[in-house]
N, C-alpha and C. Protein backbone atom coordinates (compact mmCIF):
# COMPACT_ATOMS: atom_id res chain seq x y z
N MET A 1 85.56 222.47 243.04
CA MET A 1 85.24 222.09 244.38
C MET A 1 86.43 222.43 245.32
N PRO A 2 87.70 222.11 245.04
CA PRO A 2 88.78 222.45 245.87
C PRO A 2 88.81 223.97 246.32
N GLN A 3 88.31 224.75 245.33
CA GLN A 3 88.31 226.26 245.57
C GLN A 3 87.31 226.55 246.71
N LEU A 4 86.23 225.88 246.68
CA LEU A 4 85.19 226.04 247.73
C LEU A 4 85.77 225.72 249.17
N ASN A 5 86.43 224.59 249.17
CA ASN A 5 87.01 224.14 250.42
C ASN A 5 88.02 225.23 250.97
N GLU A 6 88.81 225.74 250.07
CA GLU A 6 89.76 226.81 250.43
C GLU A 6 88.99 228.03 250.97
N LYS A 7 87.91 228.40 250.33
CA LYS A 7 87.10 229.55 250.77
C LYS A 7 86.57 229.29 252.16
N ALA A 8 86.10 227.98 252.47
CA ALA A 8 85.55 227.72 253.71
C ALA A 8 86.69 227.75 254.79
N LYS A 9 87.83 227.32 254.43
CA LYS A 9 88.97 227.34 255.40
C LYS A 9 89.31 228.82 255.68
N ASN A 10 89.30 229.59 254.64
CA ASN A 10 89.68 231.01 254.92
C ASN A 10 88.59 231.73 255.76
N LEU A 11 87.32 231.42 255.52
CA LEU A 11 86.22 231.98 256.30
C LEU A 11 86.40 231.49 257.84
N TRP A 12 86.70 230.17 258.02
CA TRP A 12 86.87 229.68 259.40
C TRP A 12 87.98 230.36 260.06
N ARG A 13 89.09 230.58 259.37
CA ARG A 13 90.28 231.28 259.95
C ARG A 13 89.85 232.71 260.45
N THR A 14 89.01 233.35 259.58
CA THR A 14 88.51 234.72 259.94
C THR A 14 87.74 234.74 261.15
N ILE A 15 86.75 233.71 261.23
CA ILE A 15 85.86 233.84 262.43
C ILE A 15 86.44 233.18 263.65
N ALA A 16 87.58 232.47 263.50
CA ALA A 16 88.18 231.78 264.65
C ALA A 16 89.27 232.64 265.35
N ILE A 17 89.40 233.87 265.01
CA ILE A 17 90.40 234.76 265.68
C ILE A 17 89.85 235.13 267.00
N ASP A 18 90.62 234.87 268.04
CA ASP A 18 90.27 235.17 269.46
C ASP A 18 90.55 236.58 269.69
N SER A 19 89.76 237.24 270.55
CA SER A 19 89.93 238.66 270.95
C SER A 19 89.30 238.86 272.40
N ASP A 20 89.51 240.05 272.91
CA ASP A 20 88.99 240.30 274.24
C ASP A 20 87.47 240.37 274.25
N VAL A 21 86.84 240.71 273.04
CA VAL A 21 85.41 240.85 272.96
C VAL A 21 84.64 239.80 272.25
N TYR A 22 85.41 238.87 271.79
CA TYR A 22 84.83 237.76 270.99
C TYR A 22 85.48 236.44 271.29
N GLN A 23 84.69 235.47 271.62
CA GLN A 23 85.19 234.14 271.92
C GLN A 23 84.77 233.23 270.70
N PRO A 24 85.74 232.88 269.83
CA PRO A 24 85.37 232.21 268.67
C PRO A 24 84.84 230.74 268.95
N PRO A 25 84.10 230.12 267.97
CA PRO A 25 83.70 228.83 268.25
C PRO A 25 84.87 227.82 268.32
N GLU A 26 84.81 226.81 269.08
CA GLU A 26 85.80 225.79 269.25
C GLU A 26 85.23 224.54 268.53
N PHE A 27 86.09 223.61 268.20
CA PHE A 27 85.78 222.41 267.57
C PHE A 27 84.60 221.66 268.34
N LYS A 28 84.71 221.70 269.61
CA LYS A 28 83.70 220.99 270.51
C LYS A 28 82.34 221.71 270.41
N ASP A 29 82.28 222.89 269.79
CA ASP A 29 80.96 223.61 269.56
C ASP A 29 80.17 223.07 268.43
N GLU A 30 80.77 222.15 267.74
CA GLU A 30 80.06 221.58 266.53
C GLU A 30 78.61 221.09 266.86
N LYS A 31 78.47 220.41 268.01
CA LYS A 31 77.19 219.90 268.36
C LYS A 31 76.15 221.10 268.62
N LEU A 32 76.72 222.11 269.34
CA LEU A 32 75.88 223.25 269.65
C LEU A 32 75.50 223.99 268.30
N LEU A 33 76.38 224.11 267.40
CA LEU A 33 76.13 224.88 266.15
C LEU A 33 75.06 224.07 265.33
N MET A 34 75.13 222.75 265.39
CA MET A 34 74.16 221.92 264.66
C MET A 34 72.78 221.97 265.36
N ASN A 35 72.79 222.06 266.67
CA ASN A 35 71.54 222.21 267.41
C ASN A 35 70.82 223.54 267.23
N LEU A 36 71.51 224.51 266.76
CA LEU A 36 70.89 225.71 266.45
C LEU A 36 69.75 225.55 265.42
N PHE A 37 69.96 224.56 264.57
CA PHE A 37 69.01 224.23 263.56
C PHE A 37 67.94 223.16 263.98
N ALA A 38 68.18 222.57 265.10
CA ALA A 38 67.30 221.54 265.60
C ALA A 38 66.01 222.02 266.23
N LEU A 39 66.19 223.19 266.80
CA LEU A 39 65.01 223.74 267.47
C LEU A 39 64.53 224.98 266.70
N SER A 40 63.20 225.11 266.60
CA SER A 40 62.63 226.33 266.10
C SER A 40 62.61 227.36 267.25
N ALA A 41 62.37 228.62 266.85
CA ALA A 41 62.32 229.72 267.81
C ALA A 41 61.18 229.34 268.89
N LYS A 42 60.13 228.87 268.35
CA LYS A 42 59.10 228.50 269.29
C LYS A 42 59.41 227.35 270.23
N GLY A 43 60.15 226.40 269.68
CA GLY A 43 60.53 225.20 270.50
C GLY A 43 61.52 225.78 271.57
N MET A 44 62.42 226.66 271.21
CA MET A 44 63.39 227.15 272.18
C MET A 44 62.60 227.88 273.31
N GLN A 45 61.66 228.75 272.93
CA GLN A 45 60.90 229.45 273.87
C GLN A 45 60.08 228.59 274.82
N ARG A 46 59.62 227.45 274.24
CA ARG A 46 58.87 226.47 274.98
C ARG A 46 59.77 225.91 276.09
N HIS A 47 60.98 225.49 275.82
CA HIS A 47 61.95 225.02 276.75
C HIS A 47 62.25 226.00 277.79
N ILE A 48 62.50 227.25 277.39
CA ILE A 48 62.88 228.29 278.34
C ILE A 48 61.73 228.52 279.35
N LYS A 49 60.47 228.55 278.81
CA LYS A 49 59.29 228.78 279.62
C LYS A 49 59.13 227.59 280.62
N ALA A 50 59.45 226.37 280.19
CA ALA A 50 59.33 225.23 281.12
C ALA A 50 60.34 225.36 282.24
N MET A 51 61.60 225.81 281.90
CA MET A 51 62.58 225.90 282.88
C MET A 51 62.30 227.04 283.85
N ARG A 52 61.70 228.06 283.39
CA ARG A 52 61.28 229.17 284.30
C ARG A 52 60.24 228.66 285.27
N GLN A 53 59.32 227.87 284.77
CA GLN A 53 58.21 227.25 285.54
C GLN A 53 58.79 226.36 286.65
N ILE A 54 59.83 225.54 286.22
CA ILE A 54 60.46 224.72 287.21
C ILE A 54 61.04 225.52 288.35
N ILE A 55 61.69 226.67 288.06
CA ILE A 55 62.22 227.46 289.13
C ILE A 55 61.20 228.19 289.94
N GLU A 56 60.17 228.66 289.21
CA GLU A 56 59.16 229.39 289.98
C GLU A 56 58.36 228.49 290.86
N GLN A 57 58.22 227.19 290.64
CA GLN A 57 57.53 226.24 291.49
C GLN A 57 58.33 226.17 292.78
N GLY A 58 59.63 226.33 292.69
CA GLY A 58 60.49 226.38 293.86
C GLY A 58 60.76 225.16 294.64
N GLU A 59 60.22 224.02 294.34
CA GLU A 59 60.46 222.85 295.00
C GLU A 59 61.18 221.85 294.14
N SER A 60 62.17 221.13 294.61
CA SER A 60 62.80 220.11 293.91
C SER A 60 63.26 220.44 292.47
N VAL A 61 63.84 221.64 292.35
CA VAL A 61 64.11 222.10 291.04
C VAL A 61 65.12 221.12 290.29
N GLY A 62 66.04 220.64 290.94
CA GLY A 62 66.99 219.69 290.43
C GLY A 62 66.36 218.46 289.83
N ARG A 63 65.43 217.92 290.62
CA ARG A 63 64.76 216.69 290.26
C ARG A 63 63.79 216.97 289.13
N ASN A 64 63.14 218.12 289.22
CA ASN A 64 62.17 218.52 288.15
C ASN A 64 62.90 218.72 286.80
N LEU A 65 64.07 219.42 286.88
CA LEU A 65 64.88 219.60 285.65
C LEU A 65 65.25 218.25 285.07
N SER A 66 65.76 217.32 285.91
CA SER A 66 66.15 216.01 285.48
C SER A 66 65.01 215.27 284.76
N SER A 67 63.83 215.33 285.29
CA SER A 67 62.58 214.72 284.78
C SER A 67 62.30 215.43 283.47
N TYR A 68 62.35 216.72 283.38
CA TYR A 68 62.03 217.42 282.14
C TYR A 68 63.04 217.13 281.01
N ALA A 69 64.24 216.96 281.37
CA ALA A 69 65.28 216.86 280.39
C ALA A 69 65.43 215.44 279.79
N ILE A 70 64.66 214.44 280.34
CA ILE A 70 64.84 213.11 279.75
C ILE A 70 64.57 213.17 278.26
N ALA A 71 65.50 212.63 277.54
CA ALA A 71 65.43 212.49 276.03
C ALA A 71 65.39 213.87 275.36
N LYS A 72 65.83 214.92 275.98
CA LYS A 72 65.84 216.21 275.30
C LYS A 72 67.26 216.87 275.56
N ASN A 73 67.70 217.62 274.53
CA ASN A 73 68.93 218.32 274.62
C ASN A 73 68.59 219.80 275.02
N ILE A 74 68.70 220.11 276.22
CA ILE A 74 68.30 221.42 276.67
C ILE A 74 69.43 222.34 277.06
N ASP A 75 70.63 221.98 276.73
CA ASP A 75 71.82 222.74 277.07
C ASP A 75 71.67 224.13 276.52
N LEU A 76 71.40 224.34 275.23
CA LEU A 76 71.31 225.67 274.61
C LEU A 76 70.07 226.39 275.26
N PRO A 77 68.93 225.88 275.33
CA PRO A 77 67.75 226.59 276.03
C PRO A 77 68.07 227.01 277.42
N LEU A 78 68.79 226.18 278.19
CA LEU A 78 69.11 226.56 279.57
C LEU A 78 70.06 227.68 279.55
N LEU A 79 71.08 227.66 278.67
CA LEU A 79 72.05 228.80 278.57
C LEU A 79 71.30 230.03 278.15
N ALA A 80 70.42 229.94 277.19
CA ALA A 80 69.64 231.17 276.75
C ALA A 80 68.80 231.69 277.86
N ALA A 81 68.19 230.77 278.70
CA ALA A 81 67.34 231.18 279.84
C ALA A 81 68.22 231.98 280.81
N CYS A 82 69.36 231.55 281.05
CA CYS A 82 70.29 232.23 282.01
C CYS A 82 70.58 233.63 281.59
N TYR A 83 70.83 233.83 280.29
CA TYR A 83 71.04 235.16 279.71
C TYR A 83 69.77 236.01 279.65
N GLN A 84 68.57 235.41 279.38
CA GLN A 84 67.38 236.10 279.25
C GLN A 84 66.84 236.53 280.63
N TYR A 85 67.04 235.70 281.62
CA TYR A 85 66.49 235.97 282.94
C TYR A 85 67.60 235.83 283.99
N PRO A 86 68.59 236.70 283.93
CA PRO A 86 69.71 236.51 284.90
C PRO A 86 69.33 236.67 286.39
N ASP A 87 68.38 237.53 286.66
CA ASP A 87 67.90 237.67 287.98
C ASP A 87 67.32 236.36 288.57
N LEU A 88 66.60 235.67 287.77
CA LEU A 88 65.90 234.46 288.13
C LEU A 88 66.86 233.28 288.19
N PHE A 89 67.77 233.16 287.23
CA PHE A 89 68.64 231.96 287.17
C PHE A 89 69.96 232.12 287.89
N LEU A 90 70.48 233.36 287.91
CA LEU A 90 71.75 233.63 288.43
C LEU A 90 71.85 234.58 289.64
N GLY A 91 70.77 235.12 289.97
CA GLY A 91 70.66 236.11 291.08
C GLY A 91 70.84 235.49 292.45
N THR A 92 70.28 236.19 293.47
CA THR A 92 70.44 235.74 294.83
C THR A 92 69.93 234.28 295.15
N ARG A 93 68.88 233.93 294.37
CA ARG A 93 68.35 232.55 294.59
C ARG A 93 69.25 231.48 294.03
N GLN A 94 70.21 231.84 293.16
CA GLN A 94 71.16 230.92 292.56
C GLN A 94 70.34 229.62 291.97
N SER A 95 69.36 229.97 291.24
CA SER A 95 68.46 228.85 290.75
C SER A 95 69.19 227.93 289.81
N LEU A 96 70.17 228.46 288.98
CA LEU A 96 70.91 227.58 288.13
C LEU A 96 71.69 226.51 288.88
N LYS A 97 72.33 227.00 289.96
CA LYS A 97 73.14 226.06 290.86
C LYS A 97 72.13 225.11 291.48
N ALA A 98 70.95 225.48 291.87
CA ALA A 98 70.04 224.56 292.47
C ALA A 98 69.52 223.60 291.48
N MET A 99 69.36 223.97 290.21
CA MET A 99 68.93 223.09 289.12
C MET A 99 69.90 221.97 288.88
N LEU A 100 71.19 222.31 289.06
CA LEU A 100 72.19 221.34 288.73
C LEU A 100 72.77 220.67 290.00
N VAL A 101 72.16 220.80 291.13
CA VAL A 101 72.62 220.25 292.39
C VAL A 101 72.78 218.73 292.19
N GLY A 102 73.75 218.19 292.83
CA GLY A 102 74.01 216.72 292.73
C GLY A 102 74.83 216.31 291.43
N MET A 103 75.05 217.28 290.51
CA MET A 103 75.87 216.97 289.34
C MET A 103 77.22 217.45 289.55
N ASN A 104 78.24 216.56 289.35
CA ASN A 104 79.62 217.02 289.48
C ASN A 104 80.06 217.67 288.16
N ASP A 105 81.25 218.10 288.08
CA ASP A 105 81.82 218.88 286.92
C ASP A 105 81.73 218.06 285.65
N ILE A 106 82.07 216.78 285.80
CA ILE A 106 82.08 215.88 284.64
C ILE A 106 80.57 215.67 284.10
N ASP A 107 79.68 215.55 285.02
CA ASP A 107 78.26 215.39 284.54
C ASP A 107 77.77 216.63 283.89
N ILE A 108 78.15 217.84 284.45
CA ILE A 108 77.77 219.05 283.74
C ILE A 108 78.41 219.24 282.38
N ALA A 109 79.67 218.88 282.34
CA ALA A 109 80.43 219.01 281.05
C ALA A 109 79.85 218.10 279.99
N THR A 110 79.34 216.98 280.44
CA THR A 110 78.76 216.04 279.50
C THR A 110 77.28 216.36 279.11
N THR A 111 76.55 216.69 280.04
CA THR A 111 75.10 216.98 279.83
C THR A 111 74.80 218.39 279.38
N TYR A 112 75.52 219.33 279.96
CA TYR A 112 75.24 220.74 279.72
C TYR A 112 76.61 221.48 279.36
N PRO A 113 77.31 221.11 278.33
CA PRO A 113 78.63 221.65 278.09
C PRO A 113 78.65 223.13 277.96
N GLN A 114 77.67 223.73 277.27
CA GLN A 114 77.67 225.15 277.09
C GLN A 114 77.34 225.94 278.37
N VAL A 115 76.49 225.42 279.16
CA VAL A 115 76.15 225.96 280.44
C VAL A 115 77.45 225.99 281.28
N GLY A 116 78.06 224.75 281.33
CA GLY A 116 79.33 224.66 282.10
C GLY A 116 80.41 225.58 281.66
N ARG A 117 80.48 225.83 280.33
CA ARG A 117 81.49 226.70 279.80
C ARG A 117 81.22 228.12 280.10
N PHE A 118 80.07 228.59 279.76
CA PHE A 118 79.73 229.96 279.86
C PHE A 118 79.20 230.44 281.25
N MET A 119 78.78 229.51 282.03
CA MET A 119 78.19 229.87 283.35
C MET A 119 79.05 229.34 284.51
N ALA A 120 80.22 228.90 284.21
CA ALA A 120 81.08 228.26 285.29
C ALA A 120 81.18 229.07 286.53
N SER A 121 81.16 230.37 286.45
CA SER A 121 81.37 231.14 287.69
C SER A 121 80.11 231.23 288.53
N HIS A 122 79.01 230.64 288.02
CA HIS A 122 77.75 230.67 288.74
C HIS A 122 77.44 229.29 289.30
N LEU A 123 78.33 228.32 289.02
CA LEU A 123 78.07 226.90 289.49
C LEU A 123 78.79 226.58 290.74
């Protein structure tokens, strides 16, 4: 068993090397990494579709996102939606910003940590 732990530590050291083209996982990413297994691909697409519909409706997107997000962890689906539909979420309409209106940096870091980390320049 100690040998397995050493192998795991060596693997982590390998994937945790920072570079210009790769941002390694951080300890705080543990929740995100676990959530990758919490949603099926279908479930992820269902959340992304719902967020697209919220934006396309165009009214009260912040309030509608808050209502939709009750008792759901949609940090990863929202981040994925931003990457899949950059024109819709990050383009001239700045829909991501409109979705998170009224949230300060602490709220975003708590509720949507990955969105706050990877989309900070769009908030």
